[in-house]
Amino acid sequence: MAITAAQVKELRERTGSGMMECKKALVDADGDMNTAIDALRKTGLAKADKKASRIAAEGLVVIEMSADSKTAAIVEVNCETDFVARKEDFQGFAAAIAQRVLVDNPADMETLMAMPLKDGDATSIEDARKALIATIGENITVRRFTRVESDNELASYRHGVRIGVLVELASGDTVLGKDLAMHIAAHDPRPVCISEEQVPADMIAAERDIFTAQARESGKPDNIIEKMITGRIRKFLGEITLLGQSFVKDPDVTVGKLLEQSGASVVRFERIELGEGIEKKSENFADEVMAQAKGG
């Protein structure tokens, strides 16, 4: 399979490895990007996986909360530029959708898009979306939503317009809930789940495979290698679980310890980041101008 310069460039950006190492990894992987990334990590050539799956698209993440703070909704609405994201009509559209999710609890995206944008309005959300596209001149999508309803009080935090977090806390107070929501928004890496028991087995297996390959490169005896792998897995679980992470406001204390001191527990959390998983199209300005000139 022929490997393109664009593939090599993407792999370099995602791993920080050299051009020739990236090209070889892609050739060996028959062009599969994820396989090539794993190969580079296993041989210790990757300097960083920049998580290209989180390349940001523009738009807004909106949170709406009920008056008693026991029901909340997060919605992500995307557009093409941050200029449009700052427009009042786009922001009003996104806020109205979040309110509709909060009040009516749609089962899925199809159901949501068929609902009226506002109470007493005959215009559906889908029709309102198309009308807004015609007015603004950019593609607009309602990408996803989540809704939480609980007997416990919910806490929320929105970081700018790009990250929204909801936290359901048992036996905790409002300040602690807000602090935890801020932690979940700010911590890198982001928490995948609450505790080690909730980490998917396939995720642990994949990391163990990578750690094993890296450890064997050291040439150490098998018993030492196993200890190295165990230590790396323990560190990995601490980094990706909420309870294992160092609290952002006091790094000397883990979130688990903080909750223990407060006599509280996290029941669930939801985190949505704008553009997460969306690959934005890379445009070459000169090529774009030339294409338009030819088209004219």
C-alpha atoms as a PDB file:
ATOM      1  CA  MET A   1       0.000   0.000   0.000  1.00  0.00           C
ATOM      2  CA  ALA A   2       1.356   3.449  -0.947  1.00  0.00           C
ATOM      3  CA  ILE A   3       1.860   5.734   2.053  1.00  0.00           C
ATOM      4  CA  THR A   4       1.099   9.413   1.419  1.00  0.00           C
ATOM      5  CA  ALA A   5       2.966  12.428   2.752  1.00  0.00           C
ATOM      6  CA  ALA A   6      -0.251  13.520   4.487  1.00  0.00           C
ATOM      7  CA  GLN A   7      -0.367  10.239   6.451  1.00  0.00           C
ATOM      8  CA  VAL A   8       3.256  10.629   7.522  1.00  0.00           C
ATOM      9  CA  LYS A   9       2.586  14.247   8.563  1.00  0.00           C
ATOM     10  CA  GLU A  10      -0.447  13.238  10.654  1.00  0.00           C
ATOM     11  CA  LEU A  11       1.475  10.465  12.399  1.00  0.00           C
ATOM     12  CA  ARG A  12       4.362  12.842  13.173  1.00  0.00           C
ATOM     13  CA  GLU A  13       1.943  15.371  14.647  1.00  0.00           C
ATOM     14  CA  ARG A  14       0.240  12.740  16.771  1.00  0.00           C
ATOM     15  CA  THR A  15       3.373  11.046  18.094  1.00  0.00           C
ATOM     16  CA  GLY A  16       6.286  13.474  17.768  1.00  0.00           C
ATOM     17  CA  SER A  17       8.380  10.763  16.076  1.00  0.00           C
ATOM     18  CA  GLY A  18      10.773  11.282  13.171  1.00  0.00           C
ATOM     19  CA  MET A  19       9.669  11.229   9.553  1.00  0.00           C
ATOM     20  CA  MET A  20      11.424   7.975   8.622  1.00  0.00           C
ATOM     21  CA  GLU A  21      10.181   6.178  11.757  1.00  0.00           C
ATOM     22  CA  CYS A  22       6.637   7.300  10.964  1.00  0.00           C
ATOM     23  CA  LYS A  23       6.857   6.193   7.350  1.00  0.00           C
ATOM     24  CA  LYS A  24       8.207   2.779   8.353  1.00  0.00           C
ATOM     25  CA  ALA A  25       5.522   2.327  11.001  1.00  0.00           C
ATOM     26  CA  LEU A  26       2.803   3.133   8.460  1.00  0.00           C
ATOM     27  CA  VAL A  27       4.285   0.765   5.888  1.00  0.00           C
ATOM     28  CA  ASP A  28       4.464  -2.033   8.467  1.00  0.00           C
ATOM     29  CA  ALA A  29       0.877  -1.275   9.537  1.00  0.00           C
ATOM     30  CA  ASP A  30      -0.346  -1.238   5.929  1.00  0.00           C
ATOM     31  CA  GLY A  31      -1.474   2.371   6.409  1.00  0.00           C
ATOM     32  CA  ASP A  32      -3.511   1.798   9.578  1.00  0.00           C
ATOM     33  CA  MET A  33      -2.944   4.899  11.720  1.00  0.00           C
ATOM     34  CA  ASN A  34      -3.856   3.426  15.116  1.00  0.00           C
ATOM     35  CA  THR A  35      -1.693   0.339  14.558  1.00  0.00           C
ATOM     36  CA  ALA A  36       1.208   2.584  13.587  1.00  0.00           C
ATOM     37  CA  ILE A  37       0.761   4.694  16.742  1.00  0.00           C
ATOM     38  CA  ASP A  38       0.764   1.582  18.931  1.00  0.00           C
ATOM     39  CA  ALA A  39       3.898   0.305  17.171  1.00  0.00           C
ATOM     40  CA  LEU A  40       5.712   3.570  17.813  1.00  0.00           C
ATOM     41  CA  ARG A  41       4.656   3.606  21.450  1.00  0.00           C
ATOM     42  CA  LYS A  42       5.798   0.022  21.942  1.00  0.00           C
ATOM     43  CA  THR A  43       9.268   0.761  20.622  1.00  0.00           C
ATOM     44  CA  GLY A  44       9.546   3.924  22.685  1.00  0.00           C
ATOM     45  CA  LEU A  45       9.750   6.197  19.635  1.00  0.00           C
ATOM     46  CA  ALA A  46       6.571   8.137  20.335  1.00  0.00           C
ATOM     47  CA  LYS A  47       7.136  11.277  22.379  1.00  0.00           C
ATOM     48  CA  ALA A  48       3.520  12.135  22.791  1.00  0.00           C
ATOM     49  CA  ASP A  49       0.135  11.041  21.562  1.00  0.00           C
ATOM     50  CA  LYS A  50      -1.559  14.381  21.154  1.00  0.00           C
ATOM     51  CA  LYS A  51      -4.979  12.790  21.089  1.00  0.00           C
ATOM     52  CA  ALA A  52      -5.846  13.977  17.617  1.00  0.00           C
ATOM     53  CA  SER A  53      -9.319  12.514  18.168  1.00  0.00           C
ATOM     54  CA  ARG A  54      -9.981  15.662  20.239  1.00  0.00           C
ATOM     55  CA  ILE A  55      -9.259  18.122  17.403  1.00  0.00           C
ATOM     56  CA  ALA A  56     -11.804  20.867  18.135  1.00  0.00           C
ATOM     57  CA  ALA A  57     -14.704  21.880  15.962  1.00  0.00           C
ATOM     58  CA  GLU A  58     -16.347  25.205  16.778  1.00  0.00           C
ATOM     59  CA  GLY A  59     -19.636  25.872  18.519  1.00  0.00           C
ATOM     60  CA  LEU A  60     -20.945  25.742  22.068  1.00  0.00           C
ATOM     61  CA  VAL A  61     -21.404  23.387  24.979  1.00  0.00           C
ATOM     62  CA  VAL A  62     -24.474  24.526  26.954  1.00  0.00           C
ATOM     63  CA  ILE A  63     -25.702  23.435  30.397  1.00  0.00           C
ATOM     64  CA  GLU A  64     -29.247  23.913  31.699  1.00  0.00           C
ATOM     65  CA  MET A  65     -30.196  23.080  35.287  1.00  0.00           C
ATOM     66  CA  SER A  66     -33.583  22.749  37.010  1.00  0.00           C
ATOM     67  CA  ALA A  67     -34.474  25.110  39.838  1.00  0.00           C
ATOM     68  CA  ASP A  68     -33.968  22.380  42.474  1.00  0.00           C
ATOM     69  CA  SER A  69     -30.610  21.322  40.926  1.00  0.00           C
ATOM     70  CA  LYS A  70     -31.779  17.716  40.630  1.00  0.00           C
ATOM     71  CA  THR A  71     -32.092  17.600  36.842  1.00  0.00           C
ATOM     72  CA  ALA A  72     -29.565  18.907  34.336  1.00  0.00           C
ATOM     73  CA  ALA A  73     -28.759  18.713  30.632  1.00  0.00           C
ATOM     74  CA  ILE A  74     -25.643  19.295  28.535  1.00  0.00           C
ATOM     75  CA  VAL A  75     -25.863  19.873  24.784  1.00  0.00           C
ATOM     76  CA  GLU A  76     -23.155  20.296  22.150  1.00  0.00           C
ATOM     77  CA  VAL A  77     -24.074  22.354  19.084  1.00  0.00           C
ATOM     78  CA  ASN A  78     -21.448  22.824  16.378  1.00  0.00           C
ATOM     79  CA  CYS A  79     -20.766  25.403  13.698  1.00  0.00           C
ATOM     80  CA  GLU A  80     -17.821  26.052  11.410  1.00  0.00           C
ATOM     81  CA  THR A  81     -16.230  29.135  13.014  1.00  0.00           C
ATOM     82  CA  ASP A  82     -15.896  30.684  16.457  1.00  0.00           C
ATOM     83  CA  PHE A  83     -17.215  33.915  14.910  1.00  0.00           C
ATOM     84  CA  VAL A  84     -20.616  32.274  14.423  1.00  0.00           C
ATOM     85  CA  ALA A  85     -20.415  30.660  17.880  1.00  0.00           C
ATOM     86  CA  ARG A  86     -20.355  34.159  19.372  1.00  0.00           C
ATOM     87  CA  LYS A  87     -23.507  35.271  17.550  1.00  0.00           C
ATOM     88  CA  GLU A  88     -26.582  35.786  19.729  1.00  0.00           C
ATOM     89  CA  ASP A  89     -28.907  33.848  17.412  1.00  0.00           C
ATOM     90  CA  PHE A  90     -26.624  30.795  17.471  1.00  0.00           C
ATOM     91  CA  GLN A  91     -26.250  30.993  21.244  1.00  0.00           C
ATOM     92  CA  GLY A  92     -30.004  31.355  21.676  1.00  0.00           C
ATOM     93  CA  PHE A  93     -30.581  28.327  19.444  1.00  0.00           C
ATOM     94  CA  ALA A  94     -28.197  26.205  21.513  1.00  0.00           C
ATOM     95  CA  ALA A  95     -29.673  27.358  24.827  1.00  0.00           C
ATOM     96  CA  ALA A  96     -33.221  26.605  23.649  1.00  0.00           C
ATOM     97  CA  ILE A  97     -32.202  23.060  22.689  1.00  0.00           C
ATOM     98  CA  ALA A  98     -30.607  22.465  26.096  1.00  0.00           C
ATOM     99  CA  GLN A  99     -33.804  23.694  27.761  1.00  0.00           C
ATOM    100  CA  ARG A 100     -35.865  21.331  25.595  1.00  0.00           C
ATOM    101  CA  VAL A 101     -33.664  18.382  26.633  1.00  0.00           C
ATOM    102  CA  LEU A 102     -33.981  19.390  30.297  1.00  0.00           C
ATOM    103  CA  VAL A 103     -37.760  19.656  30.255  1.00  0.00           C
ATOM    104  CA  ASP A 104     -38.841  16.945  27.825  1.00  0.00           C
ATOM    105  CA  ASN A 105     -36.148  14.251  28.208  1.00  0.00           C
ATOM    106  CA  PRO A 106     -35.986  13.093  24.557  1.00  0.00           C
ATOM    107  CA  ALA A 107     -35.101   9.440  24.051  1.00  0.00           C
ATOM    108  CA  ASP A 108     -32.633  10.076  21.249  1.00  0.00           C
ATOM    109  CA  MET A 109     -31.387  12.655  18.764  1.00  0.00           C
ATOM    110  CA  GLU A 110     -34.106  11.909  16.215  1.00  0.00           C
ATOM    111  CA  THR A 111     -36.803  12.543  18.814  1.00  0.00           C
ATOM    112  CA  LEU A 112     -35.117  15.739  19.953  1.00  0.00           C
ATOM    113  CA  MET A 113     -34.827  17.174  16.444  1.00  0.00           C
ATOM    114  CA  ALA A 114     -38.551  16.631  15.846  1.00  0.00           C
ATOM    115  CA  MET A 115     -39.506  18.572  19.000  1.00  0.00           C
ATOM    116  CA  PRO A 116     -40.480  22.258  18.892  1.00  0.00           C
ATOM    117  CA  LEU A 117     -37.578  24.609  19.558  1.00  0.00           C
ATOM    118  CA  LYS A 118     -39.658  26.548  22.089  1.00  0.00           C
ATOM    119  CA  ASP A 119     -42.979  25.988  23.859  1.00  0.00           C
ATOM    120  CA  GLY A 120     -45.910  26.904  21.645  1.00  0.00           C
ATOM    121  CA  ASP A 121     -43.677  27.081  18.562  1.00  0.00           C
ATOM    122  CA  ALA A 122     -44.741  25.044  15.535  1.00  0.00           C
ATOM    123  CA  THR A 123     -41.174  25.079  14.200  1.00  0.00           C
ATOM    124  CA  SER A 124     -39.213  21.926  14.995  1.00  0.00           C
ATOM    125  CA  ILE A 125     -35.584  22.047  16.100  1.00  0.00           C
ATOM    126  CA  GLU A 126     -34.582  20.531  12.753  1.00  0.00           C
ATOM    127  CA  ASP A 127     -36.470  23.193  10.802  1.00  0.00           C
ATOM    128  CA  ALA A 128     -35.001  25.908  13.019  1.00  0.00           C
ATOM    129  CA  ARG A 129     -31.534  24.490  12.365  1.00  0.00           C
ATOM    130  CA  LYS A 130     -32.026  24.636   8.596  1.00  0.00           C
ATOM    131  CA  ALA A 131     -33.366  28.179   8.821  1.00  0.00           C
ATOM    132  CA  LEU A 132     -30.359  29.258  10.881  1.00  0.00           C
ATOM    133  CA  ILE A 133     -27.994  27.720   8.319  1.00  0.00           C
ATOM    134  CA  ALA A 134     -29.682  29.759   5.607  1.00  0.00           C
ATOM    135  CA  THR A 135     -29.374  32.920   7.687  1.00  0.00           C
ATOM    136  CA  ILE A 136     -25.811  32.476   8.915  1.00  0.00           C
ATOM    137  CA  GLY A 137     -24.305  30.709   5.921  1.00  0.00           C
ATOM    138  CA  GLU A 138     -22.488  27.987   7.885  1.00  0.00           C
ATOM    139  CA  ASN A 139     -23.243  24.362   8.530  1.00  0.00           C
ATOM    140  CA  ILE A 140     -24.747  23.826  11.989  1.00  0.00           C
ATOM    141  CA  THR A 141     -25.227  20.493  13.711  1.00  0.00           C
ATOM    142  CA  VAL A 142     -26.760  19.414  16.994  1.00  0.00           C
ATOM    143  CA  ARG A 143     -24.181  16.792  17.796  1.00  0.00           C
ATOM    144  CA  ARG A 144     -25.061  15.214  21.142  1.00  0.00           C
ATOM    145  CA  PHE A 145     -26.722  15.674  24.501  1.00  0.00           C
ATOM    146  CA  THR A 146     -26.855  14.067  27.915  1.00  0.00           C
ATOM    147  CA  ARG A 147     -29.376  14.475  30.706  1.00  0.00           C
ATOM    148  CA  VAL A 148     -29.060  13.564  34.395  1.00  0.00           C
ATOM    149  CA  GLU A 149     -31.948  13.268  36.835  1.00  0.00           C
ATOM    150  CA  SER A 150     -31.308  12.362  40.465  1.00  0.00           C
ATOM    151  CA  ASP A 151     -32.632  12.423  44.022  1.00  0.00           C
ATOM    152  CA  ASN A 152     -29.268  13.981  44.931  1.00  0.00           C
ATOM    153  CA  GLU A 153     -28.350  17.560  44.200  1.00  0.00           C
ATOM    154  CA  LEU A 154     -26.310  17.961  41.019  1.00  0.00           C
ATOM    155  CA  ALA A 155     -23.321  20.236  40.536  1.00  0.00           C
ATOM    156  CA  SER A 156     -22.268  21.725  37.204  1.00  0.00           C
ATOM    157  CA  TYR A 157     -19.343  23.620  35.766  1.00  0.00           C
ATOM    158  CA  ARG A 158     -18.826  25.123  32.321  1.00  0.00           C
ATOM    159  CA  HIS A 159     -15.318  26.069  31.295  1.00  0.00           C
ATOM    160  CA  GLY A 160     -15.811  28.902  28.812  1.00  0.00           C
ATOM    161  CA  VAL A 161     -18.022  27.519  26.052  1.00  0.00           C
ATOM    162  CA  ARG A 162     -15.940  24.410  25.377  1.00  0.00           C
ATOM    163  CA  ILE A 163     -16.326  22.016  28.322  1.00  0.00           C
ATOM    164  CA  GLY A 164     -19.408  21.132  30.342  1.00  0.00           C
ATOM    165  CA  VAL A 165     -19.438  18.864  33.418  1.00  0.00           C
ATOM    166  CA  LEU A 166     -22.203  17.467  35.626  1.00  0.00           C
ATOM    167  CA  VAL A 167     -21.517  15.697  38.914  1.00  0.00           C
ATOM    168  CA  GLU A 168     -23.948  13.720  41.055  1.00  0.00           C
ATOM    169  CA  LEU A 169     -22.665  13.679  44.624  1.00  0.00           C
ATOM    170  CA  ALA A 170     -24.065  11.694  47.551  1.00  0.00           C
ATOM    171  CA  SER A 171     -23.739  13.233  51.039  1.00  0.00           C
ATOM    172  CA  GLY A 172     -21.660  16.142  49.804  1.00  0.00           C
ATOM    173  CA  ASP A 173     -22.264  19.870  49.746  1.00  0.00           C
ATOM    174  CA  THR A 174     -22.584  22.347  46.883  1.00  0.00           C
ATOM    175  CA  VAL A 175     -19.035  23.664  47.220  1.00  0.00           C
ATOM    176  CA  LEU A 176     -17.508  20.179  47.010  1.00  0.00           C
ATOM    177  CA  GLY A 177     -19.664  19.312  44.010  1.00  0.00           C
ATOM    178  CA  LYS A 178     -18.576  22.467  42.194  1.00  0.00           C
ATOM    179  CA  ASP A 179     -14.917  21.783  43.018  1.00  0.00           C
ATOM    180  CA  LEU A 180     -15.167  18.244  41.648  1.00  0.00           C
ATOM    181  CA  ALA A 181     -16.882  19.453  38.476  1.00  0.00           C
ATOM    182  CA  MET A 182     -14.042  21.947  37.971  1.00  0.00           C
ATOM    183  CA  HIS A 183     -11.501  19.178  38.585  1.00  0.00           C
ATOM    184  CA  ILE A 184     -13.112  16.920  35.973  1.00  0.00           C
ATOM    185  CA  ALA A 185     -13.079  19.779  33.464  1.00  0.00           C
ATOM    186  CA  ALA A 186      -9.462  20.759  34.143  1.00  0.00           C
ATOM    187  CA  HIS A 187      -7.558  17.547  34.826  1.00  0.00           C
ATOM    188  CA  ASP A 188      -5.276  16.130  32.140  1.00  0.00           C
ATOM    189  CA  PRO A 189      -5.767  13.324  31.447  1.00  0.00           C
ATOM    190  CA  ARG A 190      -9.507  13.540  31.862  1.00  0.00           C
ATOM    191  CA  PRO A 191     -11.020  10.893  34.142  1.00  0.00           C
ATOM    192  CA  VAL A 192     -12.469   7.959  32.214  1.00  0.00           C
ATOM    193  CA  CYS A 193     -14.556   6.645  35.106  1.00  0.00           C
ATOM    194  CA  ILE A 194     -14.941   6.973  38.863  1.00  0.00           C
ATOM    195  CA  SER A 195     -13.003   3.974  40.197  1.00  0.00           C
ATOM    196  CA  GLU A 196     -10.588   1.255  39.048  1.00  0.00           C
ATOM    197  CA  GLU A 197     -13.380  -1.320  39.089  1.00  0.00           C
ATOM    198  CA  GLN A 198     -15.161   0.598  36.324  1.00  0.00           C
ATOM    199  CA  VAL A 199     -12.201   0.733  33.902  1.00  0.00           C
ATOM    200  CA  PRO A 200     -13.018  -1.417  30.835  1.00  0.00           C
ATOM    201  CA  ALA A 201     -10.978  -4.631  30.745  1.00  0.00           C
ATOM    202  CA  ASP A 202     -10.029  -4.122  27.105  1.00  0.00           C
ATOM    203  CA  MET A 203      -8.526  -0.707  27.943  1.00  0.00           C
ATOM    204  CA  ILE A 204      -6.336  -2.247  30.648  1.00  0.00           C
ATOM    205  CA  ALA A 205      -5.363  -5.113  28.334  1.00  0.00           C
ATOM    206  CA  ALA A 206      -4.324  -2.699  25.582  1.00  0.00           C
ATOM    207  CA  GLU A 207      -2.147  -0.673  27.953  1.00  0.00           C
ATOM    208  CA  ARG A 208      -0.632  -3.835  29.438  1.00  0.00           C
ATOM    209  CA  ASP A 209       0.331  -4.967  25.934  1.00  0.00           C
ATOM    210  CA  ILE A 210       2.085  -1.648  25.285  1.00  0.00           C
ATOM    211  CA  PHE A 211       3.785  -1.578  28.691  1.00  0.00           C
ATOM    212  CA  THR A 212       4.965  -5.176  28.212  1.00  0.00           C
ATOM    213  CA  ALA A 213       6.547  -4.384  24.857  1.00  0.00           C
ATOM    214  CA  GLN A 214       8.233  -1.298  26.302  1.00  0.00           C
ATOM    215  CA  ALA A 215       9.520  -3.203  29.352  1.00  0.00           C
ATOM    216  CA  ARG A 216      10.984  -6.016  27.243  1.00  0.00           C
ATOM    217  CA  GLU A 217      13.059  -3.424  25.389  1.00  0.00           C
ATOM    218  CA  SER A 218      14.928  -2.883  28.662  1.00  0.00           C
ATOM    219  CA  GLY A 219      16.385  -6.387  28.544  1.00  0.00           C
ATOM    220  CA  LYS A 220      15.670  -6.951  32.257  1.00  0.00           C
ATOM    221  CA  PRO A 221      14.737 -10.391  33.725  1.00  0.00           C
ATOM    222  CA  ASP A 222      11.102 -11.524  33.523  1.00  0.00           C
ATOM    223  CA  ASN A 223      10.444 -11.082  37.256  1.00  0.00           C
ATOM    224  CA  ILE A 224      11.652  -7.467  37.099  1.00  0.00           C
ATOM    225  CA  ILE A 225       9.653  -6.861  33.916  1.00  0.00           C
ATOM    226  CA  GLU A 226       6.482  -8.086  35.638  1.00  0.00           C
ATOM    227  CA  LYS A 227       7.064  -5.666  38.517  1.00  0.00           C
ATOM    228  CA  MET A 228       7.615  -2.848  36.020  1.00  0.00           C
ATOM    229  CA  ILE A 229       4.371  -3.699  34.232  1.00  0.00           C
ATOM    230  CA  THR A 230       2.425  -3.906  37.512  1.00  0.00           C
ATOM    231  CA  GLY A 231       3.758  -0.514  38.549  1.00  0.00           C
ATOM    232  CA  ARG A 232       2.891   1.070  35.203  1.00  0.00           C
ATOM    233  CA  ILE A 233      -0.647  -0.344  35.288  1.00  0.00           C
ATOM    234  CA  ARG A 234      -1.132   1.000  38.827  1.00  0.00           C
ATOM    235  CA  LYS A 235       0.075   4.426  37.717  1.00  0.00           C
ATOM    236  CA  PHE A 236      -2.150   4.292  34.616  1.00  0.00           C
ATOM    237  CA  LEU A 237      -5.256   3.480  36.684  1.00  0.00           C
ATOM    238  CA  GLY A 238      -4.475   6.319  39.067  1.00  0.00           C
ATOM    239  CA  GLU A 239      -4.224   8.745  36.159  1.00  0.00           C
ATOM    240  CA  ILE A 240      -7.510   7.858  34.444  1.00  0.00           C
ATOM    241  CA  THR A 241      -9.833   7.228  37.417  1.00  0.00           C
ATOM    242  CA  LEU A 242     -11.413  10.141  39.240  1.00  0.00           C
ATOM    243  CA  LEU A 243     -10.719   8.706  42.698  1.00  0.00           C
ATOM    244  CA  GLY A 244      -7.061   8.074  41.872  1.00  0.00           C
ATOM    245  CA  GLN A 245      -6.289  11.519  40.473  1.00  0.00           C
ATOM    246  CA  SER A 246      -4.550  14.266  42.441  1.00  0.00           C
ATOM    247  CA  PHE A 247      -7.092  16.977  43.225  1.00  0.00           C
ATOM    248  CA  VAL A 248      -6.365  20.012  41.045  1.00  0.00           C
ATOM    249  CA  LYS A 249      -6.791  22.482  43.919  1.00  0.00           C
ATOM    250  CA  ASP A 250      -4.560  20.460  46.256  1.00  0.00           C
ATOM    251  CA  PRO A 251      -2.256  18.017  44.385  1.00  0.00           C
ATOM    252  CA  ASP A 252      -1.100  16.458  47.668  1.00  0.00           C
ATOM    253  CA  VAL A 253      -4.566  14.923  48.116  1.00  0.00           C
ATOM    254  CA  THR A 254      -6.289  12.472  45.789  1.00  0.00           C
ATOM    255  CA  VAL A 255      -9.942  12.952  44.915  1.00  0.00           C
ATOM    256  CA  GLY A 256     -10.648   9.669  46.692  1.00  0.00           C
ATOM    257  CA  LYS A 257      -9.060  10.968  49.891  1.00  0.00           C
ATOM    258  CA  LEU A 258     -10.892  14.287  49.568  1.00  0.00           C
ATOM    259  CA  LEU A 259     -14.230  12.479  49.337  1.00  0.00           C
ATOM    260  CA  GLU A 260     -13.340  10.246  52.272  1.00  0.00           C
ATOM    261  CA  GLN A 261     -12.529  13.277  54.414  1.00  0.00           C
ATOM    262  CA  SER A 262     -15.859  14.850  53.442  1.00  0.00           C
ATOM    263  CA  GLY A 263     -17.923  11.700  53.973  1.00  0.00           C
ATOM    264  CA  ALA A 264     -19.168  11.984  50.384  1.00  0.00           C
ATOM    265  CA  SER A 265     -19.146   9.858  47.242  1.00  0.00           C
ATOM    266  CA  VAL A 266     -19.505  10.482  43.513  1.00  0.00           C
ATOM    267  CA  VAL A 267     -22.445   8.599  42.027  1.00  0.00           C
ATOM    268  CA  ARG A 268     -21.764   9.617  38.420  1.00  0.00           C
ATOM    269  CA  PHE A 269     -20.335  12.358  36.278  1.00  0.00           C
ATOM    270  CA  GLU A 270     -20.772  13.512  32.698  1.00  0.00           C
ATOM    271  CA  ARG A 271     -18.233  15.522  30.718  1.00  0.00           C
ATOM    272  CA  ILE A 272     -18.651  16.907  27.198  1.00  0.00           C
ATOM    273  CA  GLU A 273     -15.863  18.733  25.404  1.00  0.00           C
ATOM    274  CA  LEU A 274     -16.517  20.762  22.273  1.00  0.00           C
ATOM    275  CA  GLY A 275     -15.347  19.108  19.074  1.00  0.00           C
ATOM    276  CA  GLU A 276     -14.136  15.966  20.793  1.00  0.00           C
ATOM    277  CA  GLY A 277     -13.548  13.299  18.153  1.00  0.00           C
ATOM    278  CA  ILE A 278     -14.272  15.590  15.202  1.00  0.00           C
ATOM    279  CA  GLU A 279     -11.549  15.796  12.561  1.00  0.00           C
ATOM    280  CA  LYS A 280     -11.552  19.287  11.097  1.00  0.00           C
ATOM    281  CA  LYS A 281     -10.801  19.531   7.396  1.00  0.00           C
ATOM    282  CA  SER A 282      -7.312  20.870   6.696  1.00  0.00           C
ATOM    283  CA  GLU A 283      -7.437  23.596   4.077  1.00  0.00           C
ATOM    284  CA  ASN A 284      -4.553  24.869   1.976  1.00  0.00           C
ATOM    285  CA  PHE A 285      -5.380  28.521   1.358  1.00  0.00           C
ATOM    286  CA  ALA A 286      -3.468  28.764  -1.950  1.00  0.00           C
ATOM    287  CA  ASP A 287      -5.142  25.618  -3.287  1.00  0.00           C
ATOM    288  CA  GLU A 288      -8.547  26.918  -2.175  1.00  0.00           C
ATOM    289  CA  VAL A 289      -8.035  30.234  -3.997  1.00  0.00           C
ATOM    290  CA  MET A 290      -6.846  28.415  -7.132  1.00  0.00           C
ATOM    291  CA  ALA A 291      -9.832  26.069  -7.086  1.00  0.00           C
ATOM    292  CA  GLN A 292     -12.216  29.023  -6.772  1.00  0.00           C
ATOM    293  CA  ALA A 293     -10.456  30.847  -9.633  1.00  0.00           C
ATOM    294  CA  LYS A 294     -10.756  27.798 -11.881  1.00  0.00           C
ATOM    295  CA  GLY A 295     -14.375  27.377 -10.891  1.00  0.00           C
ATOM    296  CA  GLY A 296     -15.023  30.992 -11.835  1.00  0.00           C
END
